[in-house]
PDB file of N, CA and C in Angstrom:
ATOM      1  N   MET A   1       7.884  -3.203  38.295  1.00  0.00           N
ATOM      2  CA  MET A   1       6.957  -2.796  37.164  1.00  0.00           C
ATOM      3  C   MET A   1       7.414  -1.062  36.573  1.00  0.00           C
ATOM      4  N   PRO A   2       7.645  -0.983  35.476  1.00  0.00           N
ATOM      5  CA  PRO A   2       8.096  -0.018  34.770  1.00  0.00           C
ATOM      6  C   PRO A   2       7.266   1.320  35.272  1.00  0.00           C
ATOM      7  N   ALA A   3       7.900   2.355  35.272  1.00  0.00           N
ATOM      8  CA  ALA A   3       7.015   3.609  35.475  1.00  0.00           C
ATOM      9  C   ALA A   3       5.874   3.787  34.228  1.00  0.00           C
ATOM     10  N   ALA A   4       4.845   4.561  34.684  1.00  0.00           N
ATOM     11  CA  ALA A   4       3.913   4.923  33.690  1.00  0.00           C
ATOM     12  C   ALA A   4       4.411   5.860  32.550  1.00  0.00           C
ATOM     13  N   LEU A   5       4.125   5.512  31.560  1.00  0.00           N
ATOM     14  CA  LEU A   5       4.637   6.761  30.476  1.00  0.00           C
ATOM     15  C   LEU A   5       3.752   7.796  30.547  1.00  0.00           C
ATOM     16  N   PRO A   6       4.543   9.291  30.150  1.00  0.00           N
ATOM     17  CA  PRO A   6       3.351  10.394  30.276  1.00  0.00           C
ATOM     18  C   PRO A   6       2.732  10.391  28.800  1.00  0.00           C
ATOM     19  N   PRO A   7       1.413  10.806  28.762  1.00  0.00           N
ATOM     20  CA  PRO A   7       0.934  10.684  27.802  1.00  0.00           C
ATOM     21  C   PRO A   7       1.435  11.820  26.244  1.00  0.00           C
ATOM     22  N   LEU A   8       1.399  11.310  25.357  1.00  0.00           N
ATOM     23  CA  LEU A   8       1.741  12.249  24.096  1.00  0.00           C
ATOM     24  C   LEU A   8       0.839  12.191  23.173  1.00  0.00           C
ATOM     25  N   ASP A   9       0.365  13.569  23.153  1.00  0.00           N
ATOM     26  CA  ASP A   9      -0.657  14.215  22.103  1.00  0.00           C
ATOM     27  C   ASP A   9      -0.011  15.752  22.000  1.00  0.00           C
ATOM     28  N   HIS A  10       0.792  15.643  20.677  1.00  0.00           N
ATOM     29  CA  HIS A  10       1.655  16.924  20.737  1.00  0.00           C
ATOM     30  C   HIS A  10       1.930  17.038  18.870  1.00  0.00           C
ATOM     31  N   ASN A  11       1.670  18.451  18.738  1.00  0.00           N
ATOM     32  CA  ASN A  11       2.060  18.730  17.448  1.00  0.00           C
ATOM     33  C   ASN A  11       3.273  19.284  17.056  1.00  0.00           C
ATOM     34  N   PHE A  12       4.254  18.578  16.247  1.00  0.00           N
ATOM     35  CA  PHE A  12       5.519  19.027  16.077  1.00  0.00           C
ATOM     36  C   PHE A  12       5.486  20.047  14.854  1.00  0.00           C
ATOM     37  N   CYS A  13       6.000  21.229  15.104  1.00  0.00           N
ATOM     38  CA  CYS A  13       5.945  22.143  13.995  1.00  0.00           C
ATOM     39  C   CYS A  13       7.222  21.926  13.063  1.00  0.00           C
ATOM     40  N   LEU A  14       7.026  21.180  11.859  1.00  0.00           N
ATOM     41  CA  LEU A  14       8.085  21.041  11.104  1.00  0.00           C
ATOM     42  C   LEU A  14       8.783  22.136  10.154  1.00  0.00           C
ATOM     43  N   ALA A  15       7.850  23.156   9.611  1.00  0.00           N
ATOM     44  CA  ALA A  15       8.234  24.081   8.818  1.00  0.00           C
ATOM     45  C   ALA A  15       7.213  25.332   8.937  1.00  0.00           C
ATOM     46  N   PRO A  16       7.485  26.341   8.323  1.00  0.00           N
ATOM     47  CA  PRO A  16       6.911  27.645   8.443  1.00  0.00           C
ATOM     48  C   PRO A  16       5.795  27.772   7.230  1.00  0.00           C
ATOM     49  N   ALA A  17       5.523  26.621   6.534  1.00  0.00           N
ATOM     50  CA  ALA A  17       4.589  26.669   5.319  1.00  0.00           C
ATOM     51  C   ALA A  17       4.644  25.317   4.779  1.00  0.00           C
ATOM     52  N   ARG A  18       3.634  25.093   3.969  1.00  0.00           N
ATOM     53  CA  ARG A  18       3.750  23.864   3.137  1.00  0.00           C
ATOM     54  C   ARG A  18       4.859  23.660   2.348  1.00  0.00           C
ATOM     55  N   ARG A  19       5.337  22.709   2.208  1.00  0.00           N
ATOM     56  CA  ARG A  19       6.493  22.754   1.122  1.00  0.00           C
ATOM     57  C   ARG A  19       6.524  21.502   0.392  1.00  0.00           C
ATOM     58  N   ALA A  20       7.707  21.125  -0.410  1.00  0.00           N
ATOM     59  CA  ALA A  20       7.884  19.935  -1.117  1.00  0.00           C
ATOM     60  C   ALA A  20       8.127  18.766  -0.259  1.00  0.00           C
ATOM     61  N   LEU A  21       7.629  17.583  -0.752  1.00  0.00           N
ATOM     62  CA  LEU A  21       7.762  16.288   0.014  1.00  0.00           C
ATOM     63  C   LEU A  21       9.107  16.289   0.735  1.00  0.00           C
ATOM     64  N   THR A  22       9.025  16.118   2.164  1.00  0.00           N
ATOM     65  CA  THR A  22      10.268  16.351   2.835  1.00  0.00           C
ATOM     66  C   THR A  22      10.259  14.984   3.983  1.00  0.00           C
ATOM     67  N   PRO A  23      11.389  14.213   4.243  1.00  0.00           N
ATOM     68  CA  PRO A  23      11.182  13.560   5.299  1.00  0.00           C
ATOM     69  C   PRO A  23      11.053  14.127   6.786  1.00  0.00           C
ATOM     70  N   ALA A  24      10.248  13.313   7.446  1.00  0.00           N
ATOM     71  CA  ALA A  24       9.696  13.988   8.623  1.00  0.00           C
ATOM     72  C   ALA A  24       9.744  12.953   9.937  1.00  0.00           C
ATOM     73  N   LEU A  25       9.924  11.742   9.791  1.00  0.00           N
ATOM     74  CA  LEU A  25       9.860  11.042  10.890  1.00  0.00           C
ATOM     75  C   LEU A  25      10.305   9.820  10.540  1.00  0.00           C
ATOM     76  N   ARG A  26      11.024   9.120  11.381  1.00  0.00           N
ATOM     77  CA  ARG A  26      11.607   7.650  11.410  1.00  0.00           C
ATOM     78  C   ARG A  26      11.485   7.034  12.697  1.00  0.00           C
ATOM     79  N   LEU A  27      10.727   5.706  12.536  1.00  0.00           N
ATOM     80  CA  LEU A  27      10.583   5.270  13.765  1.00  0.00           C
ATOM     81  C   LEU A  27      10.935   3.552  13.464  1.00  0.00           C
ATOM     82  N   THR A  28      11.791   3.323  14.509  1.00  0.00           N
ATOM     83  CA  THR A  28      12.130   1.835  14.302  1.00  0.00           C
ATOM     84  C   THR A  28      11.836   0.937  15.418  1.00  0.00           C
ATOM     85  N   GLY A  29      11.109  -0.208  15.131  1.00  0.00           N
ATOM     86  CA  GLY A  29      10.578  -1.050  16.401  1.00  0.00           C
ATOM     87  C   GLY A  29      11.508  -1.878  16.694  1.00  0.00           C
ATOM     88  N   ARG A  30      11.294  -2.757  17.913  1.00  0.00           N
ATOM     89  CA  ARG A  30      12.138  -3.458  18.497  1.00  0.00           C
ATOM     90  C   ARG A  30      12.427  -4.906  17.638  1.00  0.00           C
ATOM     91  N   SER A  31      11.206  -5.018  16.614  1.00  0.00           N
ATOM     92  CA  SER A  31      11.295  -6.116  15.697  1.00  0.00           C
ATOM     93  C   SER A  31      12.283  -5.808  14.313  1.00  0.00           C
ATOM     94  N   GLY A  32      12.833  -4.603  14.265  1.00  0.00           N
ATOM     95  CA  GLY A  32      13.668  -4.231  13.271  1.00  0.00           C
ATOM     96  C   GLY A  32      12.710  -3.362  11.978  1.00  0.00           C
ATOM     97  N   ILE A  33      11.517  -3.362  12.161  1.00  0.00           N
ATOM     98  CA  ILE A  33      10.486  -2.913  11.016  1.00  0.00           C
ATOM     99  C   ILE A  33      10.798  -1.405  11.439  1.00  0.00           C
ATOM    100  N   THR A  34      10.919  -0.610  10.138  1.00  0.00           N
ATOM    101  CA  THR A  34      11.338   0.836  10.434  1.00  0.00           C
ATOM    102  C   THR A  34      10.104   1.485   9.342  1.00  0.00           C
ATOM    103  N   LEU A  35       9.503   2.593   9.812  1.00  0.00           N
ATOM    104  CA  LEU A  35       8.436   3.300   9.268  1.00  0.00           C
ATOM    105  C   LEU A  35       9.130   4.704   8.909  1.00  0.00           C
ATOM    106  N   ASP A  36       9.090   5.093   7.486  1.00  0.00           N
ATOM    107  CA  ASP A  36       9.624   6.530   7.232  1.00  0.00           C
ATOM    108  C   ASP A  36       8.392   7.213   6.625  1.00  0.00           C
ATOM    109  N   LEU A  37       8.364   8.323   7.153  1.00  0.00           N
ATOM    110  CA  LEU A  37       7.404   9.339   6.929  1.00  0.00           C
ATOM    111  C   LEU A  37       7.918  10.538   6.357  1.00  0.00           C
ATOM    112  N   ALA A  38       7.337  10.916   4.888  1.00  0.00           N
ATOM    113  CA  ALA A  38       7.766  12.029   4.516  1.00  0.00           C
ATOM    114  C   ALA A  38       6.289  12.818   4.089  1.00  0.00           C
ATOM    115  N   THR A  39       6.431  14.090   4.362  1.00  0.00           N
ATOM    116  CA  THR A  39       5.078  14.824   3.920  1.00  0.00           C
ATOM    117  C   THR A  39       5.336  16.311   3.472  1.00  0.00           C
ATOM    118  N   THR A  40       4.228  16.762   2.802  1.00  0.00           N
ATOM    119  CA  THR A  40       4.333  18.187   2.479  1.00  0.00           C
ATOM    120  C   THR A  40       3.733  19.171   3.529  1.00  0.00           C
ATOM    121  N   GLU A  41       3.004  18.578   4.488  1.00  0.00           N
ATOM    122  CA  GLU A  41       2.433  19.467   5.465  1.00  0.00           C
ATOM    123  C   GLU A  41       3.749  20.120   6.478  1.00  0.00           C
ATOM    124  N   PRO A  42       3.226  21.371   7.087  1.00  0.00           N
ATOM    125  CA  PRO A  42       4.137  21.969   7.908  1.00  0.00           C
ATOM    126  C   PRO A  42       4.226  21.373   9.342  1.00  0.00           C
ATOM    127  N   GLY A  43       3.056  20.513   9.919  1.00  0.00           N
ATOM    128  CA  GLY A  43       3.017  20.174  11.048  1.00  0.00           C
ATOM    129  C   GLY A  43       2.887  18.408  11.158  1.00  0.00           C
ATOM    130  N   LEU A  44       3.099  17.896  12.428  1.00  0.00           N
ATOM    131  CA  LEU A  44       3.031  16.574  12.270  1.00  0.00           C
ATOM    132  C   LEU A  44       2.356  15.888  13.913  1.00  0.00           C
ATOM    133  N   GLN A  45       1.042  15.796  13.999  1.00  0.00           N
ATOM    134  CA  GLN A  45       0.366  15.230  15.321  1.00  0.00           C
ATOM    135  C   GLN A  45       1.055  14.013  15.544  1.00  0.00           C
ATOM    136  N   ILE A  46       1.102  13.758  16.728  1.00  0.00           N
ATOM    137  CA  ILE A  46       1.407  12.507  17.197  1.00  0.00           C
ATOM    138  C   ILE A  46       0.595  12.248  18.920  1.00  0.00           C
ATOM    139  N   PHE A  47       0.028  11.106  18.430  1.00  0.00           N
ATOM    140  CA  PHE A  47      -1.209  10.857  19.720  1.00  0.00           C
ATOM    141  C   PHE A  47      -0.668   9.209  20.362  1.00  0.00           C
ATOM    142  N   ASP A  48      -0.359   8.907  21.286  1.00  0.00           N
ATOM    143  CA  ASP A  48      -0.175   7.504  21.513  1.00  0.00           C
ATOM    144  C   ASP A  48      -1.293   6.892  22.384  1.00  0.00           C
ATOM    145  N   ALA A  49      -2.794   7.466  22.284  1.00  0.00           N
ATOM    146  CA  ALA A  49      -3.672   6.703  22.779  1.00  0.00           C
ATOM    147  C   ALA A  49      -3.355   6.500  24.245  1.00  0.00           C
ATOM    148  N   ALA A  50      -2.890   7.203  25.058  1.00  0.00           N
ATOM    149  CA  ALA A  50      -2.514   7.054  26.603  1.00  0.00           C
ATOM    150  C   ALA A  50      -4.027   7.070  27.382  1.00  0.00           C
ATOM    151  N   PRO A  51      -4.963   7.642  27.111  1.00  0.00           N
ATOM    152  CA  PRO A  51      -6.044   7.745  27.867  1.00  0.00           C
ATOM    153  C   PRO A  51      -7.044   6.407  27.349  1.00  0.00           C
ATOM    154  N   ILE A  52      -6.813   5.626  26.398  1.00  0.00           N
ATOM    155  CA  ILE A  52      -7.636   4.561  26.036  1.00  0.00           C
ATOM    156  C   ILE A  52      -7.744   3.503  27.051  1.00  0.00           C
ATOM    157  N   ASN A  53      -8.806   2.842  27.397  1.00  0.00           N
ATOM    158  CA  ASN A  53      -8.914   1.905  28.325  1.00  0.00           C
ATOM    159  C   ASN A  53     -10.286   1.504  27.904  1.00  0.00           C
ATOM    160  N   THR A  54     -10.555   0.165  27.266  1.00  0.00           N
ATOM    161  CA  THR A  54     -11.801  -0.161  27.061  1.00  0.00           C
ATOM    162  C   THR A  54     -12.331  -1.371  28.040  1.00  0.00           C
ATOM    163  N   GLY A  55     -11.636  -1.550  29.264  1.00  0.00           N
ATOM    164  CA  GLY A  55     -12.207  -2.281  30.176  1.00  0.00           C
ATOM    165  C   GLY A  55     -12.658  -3.742  29.694  1.00  0.00           C
ATOM    166  N   ALA A  56     -13.947  -4.049  30.172  1.00  0.00           N
ATOM    167  CA  ALA A  56     -14.285  -5.453  29.600  1.00  0.00           C
ATOM    168  C   ALA A  56     -15.018  -5.541  28.259  1.00  0.00           C
ATOM    169  N   LEU A  57     -14.971  -4.281  27.439  1.00  0.00           N
ATOM    170  CA  LEU A  57     -15.627  -4.091  26.411  1.00  0.00           C
ATOM    171  C   LEU A  57     -15.114  -5.083  25.075  1.00  0.00           C
ATOM    172  N   ALA A  58     -15.848  -5.636  24.561  1.00  0.00           N
ATOM    173  CA  ALA A  58     -15.270  -6.629  23.362  1.00  0.00           C
ATOM    174  C   ALA A  58     -14.683  -5.637  22.194  1.00  0.00           C
ATOM    175  N   THR A  59     -13.647  -6.161  21.807  1.00  0.00           N
ATOM    176  CA  THR A  59     -12.999  -5.324  20.660  1.00  0.00           C
ATOM    177  C   THR A  59     -12.708  -6.314  19.543  1.00  0.00           C
ATOM    178  N   LEU A  60     -12.045  -5.578  18.713  1.00  0.00           N
ATOM    179  CA  LEU A  60     -11.624  -6.454  17.302  1.00  0.00           C
ATOM    180  C   LEU A  60     -11.193  -7.722  17.738  1.00  0.00           C
ATOM    181  N   HIS A  61      -9.911  -7.703  18.234  1.00  0.00           N
ATOM    182  CA  HIS A  61      -9.268  -8.750  18.686  1.00  0.00           C
ATOM    183  C   HIS A  61      -9.583  -9.471  19.982  1.00  0.00           C
ATOM    184  N   ASN A  62     -10.846  -9.079  20.606  1.00  0.00           N
ATOM    185  CA  ASN A  62     -11.527  -9.940  21.692  1.00  0.00           C
ATOM    186  C   ASN A  62     -10.437  -9.728  22.946  1.00  0.00           C
ATOM    187  N   ARG A  63      -9.852  -8.781  23.027  1.00  0.00           N
ATOM    188  CA  ARG A  63      -9.213  -8.421  24.174  1.00  0.00           C
ATOM    189  C   ARG A  63      -9.227  -6.996  24.525  1.00  0.00           C
ATOM    190  N   PRO A  64      -8.994  -6.550  25.753  1.00  0.00           N
ATOM    191  CA  PRO A  64      -9.083  -5.012  26.228  1.00  0.00           C
ATOM    192  C   PRO A  64      -7.960  -4.313  25.599  1.00  0.00           C
ATOM    193  N   TYR A  65      -8.326  -3.179  25.191  1.00  0.00           N
ATOM    194  CA  TYR A  65      -7.224  -2.037  24.784  1.00  0.00           C
ATOM    195  C   TYR A  65      -6.809  -1.126  25.856  1.00  0.00           C
ATOM    196  N   THR A  66      -5.578  -0.968  26.106  1.00  0.00           N
ATOM    197  CA  THR A  66      -5.301  -0.189  27.428  1.00  0.00           C
ATOM    198  C   THR A  66      -4.311   0.953  26.951  1.00  0.00           C
ATOM    199  N   ALA A  67      -3.881   1.965  27.843  1.00  0.00           N
ATOM    200  CA  ALA A  67      -3.048   2.680  27.575  1.00  0.00           C
ATOM    201  C   ALA A  67      -1.773   2.651  26.696  1.00  0.00           C
ATOM    202  N   HIS A  68      -1.473   3.285  25.892  1.00  0.00           N
ATOM    203  CA  HIS A  68      -0.312   3.443  24.856  1.00  0.00           C
ATOM    204  C   HIS A  68      -0.603   1.994  24.003  1.00  0.00           C
ATOM    205  N   CYS A  69      -1.718   1.694  23.891  1.00  0.00           N
ATOM    206  CA  CYS A  69      -2.094   0.477  22.820  1.00  0.00           C
ATOM    207  C   CYS A  69      -1.956   0.826  21.168  1.00  0.00           C
ATOM    208  N   ALA A  70      -1.786   2.164  20.874  1.00  0.00           N
ATOM    209  CA  ALA A  70      -1.805   2.452  19.508  1.00  0.00           C
ATOM    210  C   ALA A  70      -0.926   3.576  19.199  1.00  0.00           C
ATOM    211  N   LEU A  71      -0.754   4.357  18.197  1.00  0.00           N
ATOM    212  CA  LEU A  71      -0.100   5.466  17.823  1.00  0.00           C
ATOM    213  C   LEU A  71      -0.497   5.823  16.468  1.00  0.00           C
ATOM    214  N   ALA A  72      -1.165   7.217  16.586  1.00  0.00           N
ATOM    215  CA  ALA A  72      -1.745   8.013  15.469  1.00  0.00           C
ATOM    216  C   ALA A  72      -0.664   8.853  14.949  1.00  0.00           C
ATOM    217  N   ILE A  73      -0.346   9.205  13.757  1.00  0.00           N
ATOM    218  CA  ILE A  73       0.751  10.017  12.989  1.00  0.00           C
ATOM    219  C   ILE A  73      -0.190  10.620  11.986  1.00  0.00           C
ATOM    220  N   GLU A  74      -0.413  12.100  12.079  1.00  0.00           N
ATOM    221  CA  GLU A  74      -1.138  12.666  11.425  1.00  0.00           C
ATOM    222  C   GLU A  74      -0.497  14.098  10.989  1.00  0.00           C
ATOM    223  N   PRO A  75       0.008  13.808   9.607  1.00  0.00           N
ATOM    224  CA  PRO A  75       0.681  15.081   9.053  1.00  0.00           C
ATOM    225  C   PRO A  75      -0.385  16.175   8.749  1.00  0.00           C
ATOM    226  N   GLN A  76      -0.484  17.445   9.241  1.00  0.00           N
ATOM    227  CA  GLN A  76      -1.420  18.497   9.159  1.00  0.00           C
ATOM    228  C   GLN A  76      -0.942  19.707   9.124  1.00  0.00           C
ATOM    229  N   ALA A  77      -1.718  20.734   9.008  1.00  0.00           N
ATOM    230  CA  ALA A  77      -1.251  22.121   9.504  1.00  0.00           C
ATOM    231  C   ALA A  77      -1.257  22.134  11.072  1.00  0.00           C
ATOM    232  N   TRP A  78      -0.738  23.233  11.453  1.00  0.00           N
ATOM    233  CA  TRP A  78      -0.552  23.707  12.909  1.00  0.00           C
ATOM    234  C   TRP A  78      -1.995  23.811  13.555  1.00  0.00           C
ATOM    235  N   PRO A  79      -2.225  23.163  14.633  1.00  0.00           N
ATOM    236  CA  PRO A  79      -3.377  23.589  15.272  1.00  0.00           C
ATOM    237  C   PRO A  79      -3.624  24.946  15.440  1.00  0.00           C
ATOM    238  N   ASP A  80      -5.016  25.324  15.471  1.00  0.00           N
ATOM    239  CA  ASP A  80      -5.641  26.448  15.887  1.00  0.00           C
ATOM    240  C   ASP A  80      -4.861  27.918  15.096  1.00  0.00           C
ATOM    241  N   ALA A  81      -4.527  27.273  13.920  1.00  0.00           N
ATOM    242  CA  ALA A  81      -3.733  28.423  12.924  1.00  0.00           C
ATOM    243  C   ALA A  81      -4.809  29.427  12.753  1.00  0.00           C
ATOM    244  N   PRO A  82      -6.060  29.146  12.566  1.00  0.00           N
ATOM    245  CA  PRO A  82      -6.921  30.414  12.204  1.00  0.00           C
ATOM    246  C   PRO A  82      -7.012  31.778  13.134  1.00  0.00           C
ATOM    247  N   HIS A  83      -6.648  31.380  14.249  1.00  0.00           N
ATOM    248  CA  HIS A  83      -6.498  32.146  15.398  1.00  0.00           C
ATOM    249  C   HIS A  83      -4.998  32.733  15.969  1.00  0.00           C
ATOM    250  N   ASN A  84      -4.029  32.083  15.028  1.00  0.00           N
ATOM    251  CA  ASN A  84      -2.646  32.757  15.252  1.00  0.00           C
ATOM    252  C   ASN A  84      -2.079  33.224  14.242  1.00  0.00           C
ATOM    253  N   PRO A  85      -1.909  34.556  13.865  1.00  0.00           N
ATOM    254  CA  PRO A  85      -1.371  34.964  12.658  1.00  0.00           C
ATOM    255  C   PRO A  85      -0.055  34.668  12.220  1.00  0.00           C
ATOM    256  N   ARG A  86       0.687  34.211  13.273  1.00  0.00           N
ATOM    257  CA  ARG A  86       2.212  33.899  12.914  1.00  0.00           C
ATOM    258  C   ARG A  86       2.016  32.401  12.796  1.00  0.00           C
ATOM    259  N   PHE A  87       1.129  31.667  12.665  1.00  0.00           N
ATOM    260  CA  PHE A  87       1.172  30.444  12.361  1.00  0.00           C
ATOM    261  C   PHE A  87       1.010  30.184  10.747  1.00  0.00           C
ATOM    262  N   PRO A  88       1.516  29.056  10.294  1.00  0.00           N
ATOM    263  CA  PRO A  88       1.457  29.042   8.603  1.00  0.00           C
ATOM    264  C   PRO A  88      -0.110  29.285   7.969  1.00  0.00           C
ATOM    265  N   ASP A  89      -0.643  29.830   7.010  1.00  0.00           N
ATOM    266  CA  ASP A  89      -1.926  29.934   6.850  1.00  0.00           C
ATOM    267  C   ASP A  89      -2.508  28.780   6.311  1.00  0.00           C
ATOM    268  N   ILE A  90      -3.632  28.346   6.571  1.00  0.00           N
ATOM    269  CA  ILE A  90      -4.293  27.382   6.030  1.00  0.00           C
ATOM    270  C   ILE A  90      -5.672  27.599   5.492  1.00  0.00           C
ATOM    271  N   ALA A  91      -5.984  28.666   5.293  1.00  0.00           N
ATOM    272  CA  ALA A  91      -7.250  29.154   4.684  1.00  0.00           C
ATOM    273  C   ALA A  91      -7.166  28.531   3.231  1.00  0.00           C
ATOM    274  N   LEU A  92      -8.503  27.940   2.879  1.00  0.00           N
ATOM    275  CA  LEU A  92      -8.731  27.504   1.703  1.00  0.00           C
ATOM    276  C   LEU A  92      -9.900  28.301   0.918  1.00  0.00           C
ATOM    277  N   TYR A  93      -9.569  28.641  -0.208  1.00  0.00           N
ATOM    278  CA  TYR A  93     -10.604  29.395  -1.045  1.00  0.00           C
ATOM    279  C   TYR A  93     -11.152  28.809  -2.398  1.00  0.00           C
ATOM    280  N   PRO A  94     -12.170  29.067  -2.782  1.00  0.00           N
ATOM    281  CA  PRO A  94     -13.062  28.177  -3.720  1.00  0.00           C
ATOM    282  C   PRO A  94     -12.191  28.113  -5.117  1.00  0.00           C
ATOM    283  N   ASP A  95     -11.296  28.909  -5.670  1.00  0.00           N
ATOM    284  CA  ASP A  95     -10.458  28.752  -6.639  1.00  0.00           C
ATOM    285  C   ASP A  95      -9.101  28.349  -6.529  1.00  0.00           C
ATOM    286  N   ASP A  96      -8.658  28.357  -5.266  1.00  0.00           N
ATOM    287  CA  ASP A  96      -7.329  27.735  -5.236  1.00  0.00           C
ATOM    288  C   ASP A  96      -7.107  26.288  -4.862  1.00  0.00           C
ATOM    289  N   PRO A  97      -6.423  25.740  -5.661  1.00  0.00           N
ATOM    290  CA  PRO A  97      -6.043  24.275  -5.376  1.00  0.00           C
ATOM    291  C   PRO A  97      -5.498  23.974  -4.444  1.00  0.00           C
ATOM    292  N   TYR A  98      -5.689  22.973  -3.671  1.00  0.00           N
ATOM    293  CA  TYR A  98      -5.059  22.403  -2.519  1.00  0.00           C
ATOM    294  C   TYR A  98      -4.715  20.753  -2.767  1.00  0.00           C
ATOM    295  N   ALA A  99      -3.211  20.391  -2.326  1.00  0.00           N
ATOM    296  CA  ALA A  99      -3.091  19.277  -2.386  1.00  0.00           C
ATOM    297  C   ALA A  99      -2.158  19.027  -1.313  1.00  0.00           C
ATOM    298  N   GLN A 100      -2.144  17.778  -0.737  1.00  0.00           N
ATOM    299  CA  GLN A 100      -1.316  17.442   0.336  1.00  0.00           C
ATOM    300  C   GLN A 100      -0.751  15.988  -0.103  1.00  0.00           C
ATOM    301  N   THR A 101       0.626  15.509   0.206  1.00  0.00           N
ATOM    302  CA  THR A 101       1.070  14.373  -0.047  1.00  0.00           C
ATOM    303  C   THR A 101       2.075  13.788   1.241  1.00  0.00           C
ATOM    304  N   SER A 102       1.479  12.459   1.448  1.00  0.00           N
ATOM    305  CA  SER A 102       2.445  12.030   2.687  1.00  0.00           C
ATOM    306  C   SER A 102       2.804  10.896   2.218  1.00  0.00           C
ATOM    307  N   THR A 103       3.618  10.257   2.523  1.00  0.00           N
ATOM    308  CA  THR A 103       4.064   8.782   2.075  1.00  0.00           C
ATOM    309  C   THR A 103       4.517   8.217   3.524  1.00  0.00           C
ATOM    310  N   PHE A 104       3.997   6.823   3.687  1.00  0.00           N
ATOM    311  CA  PHE A 104       4.520   6.071   5.004  1.00  0.00           C
ATOM    312  C   PHE A 104       5.172   4.767   4.014  1.00  0.00           C
ATOM    313  N   ARG A 105       6.303   4.685   4.590  1.00  0.00           N
ATOM    314  CA  ARG A 105       6.935   3.468   3.679  1.00  0.00           C
ATOM    315  C   ARG A 105       7.829   2.653   4.984  1.00  0.00           C
ATOM    316  N   PHE A 106       7.426   1.428   4.964  1.00  0.00           N
ATOM    317  CA  PHE A 106       7.931   0.525   5.972  1.00  0.00           C
ATOM    318  C   PHE A 106       9.058  -0.412   5.088  1.00  0.00           C
ATOM    319  N   SER A 107      10.110  -0.798   6.160  1.00  0.00           N
ATOM    320  CA  SER A 107      11.045  -1.552   5.586  1.00  0.00           C
ATOM    321  C   SER A 107      11.261  -2.652   6.684  1.00  0.00           C
ATOM    322  N   ALA A 108      12.101  -3.464   6.421  1.00  0.00           N
ATOM    323  CA  ALA A 108      12.654  -4.398   7.694  1.00  0.00           C
ATOM    324  C   ALA A 108      14.036  -4.608   7.350  1.00  0.00           C
ATOM    325  N   ALA A 109      14.753  -4.706   8.641  1.00  0.00           N
ATOM    326  CA  ALA A 109      16.038  -4.756   8.828  1.00  0.00           C
ATOM    327  C   ALA A 109      16.616  -6.097   8.114  1.00  0.00           C
TER     328      ALA A 109
END
């Protein structure tokens, strides 16, 4: 039996501030399907659902969800930025426009 994977719930700091749309992530599965993500956000949160265990609870697919059953990919600002002046500023003010762009593109080999 393979060793258990350690949980992954981490913010990757990509840039010191919001920027032009920039490639941030490429994942290729065993099937050959590739996900390319580009974002204007300075951070990327990755969560692998390691703590999830639905046990006998009925789910959408009528089977249990267990550790590492999903992957959340969240372009965002750096966590706890309001309390860390060295982090990119995330303050939003009433008259300042805010926009974020993230693209998720899938392709097959």
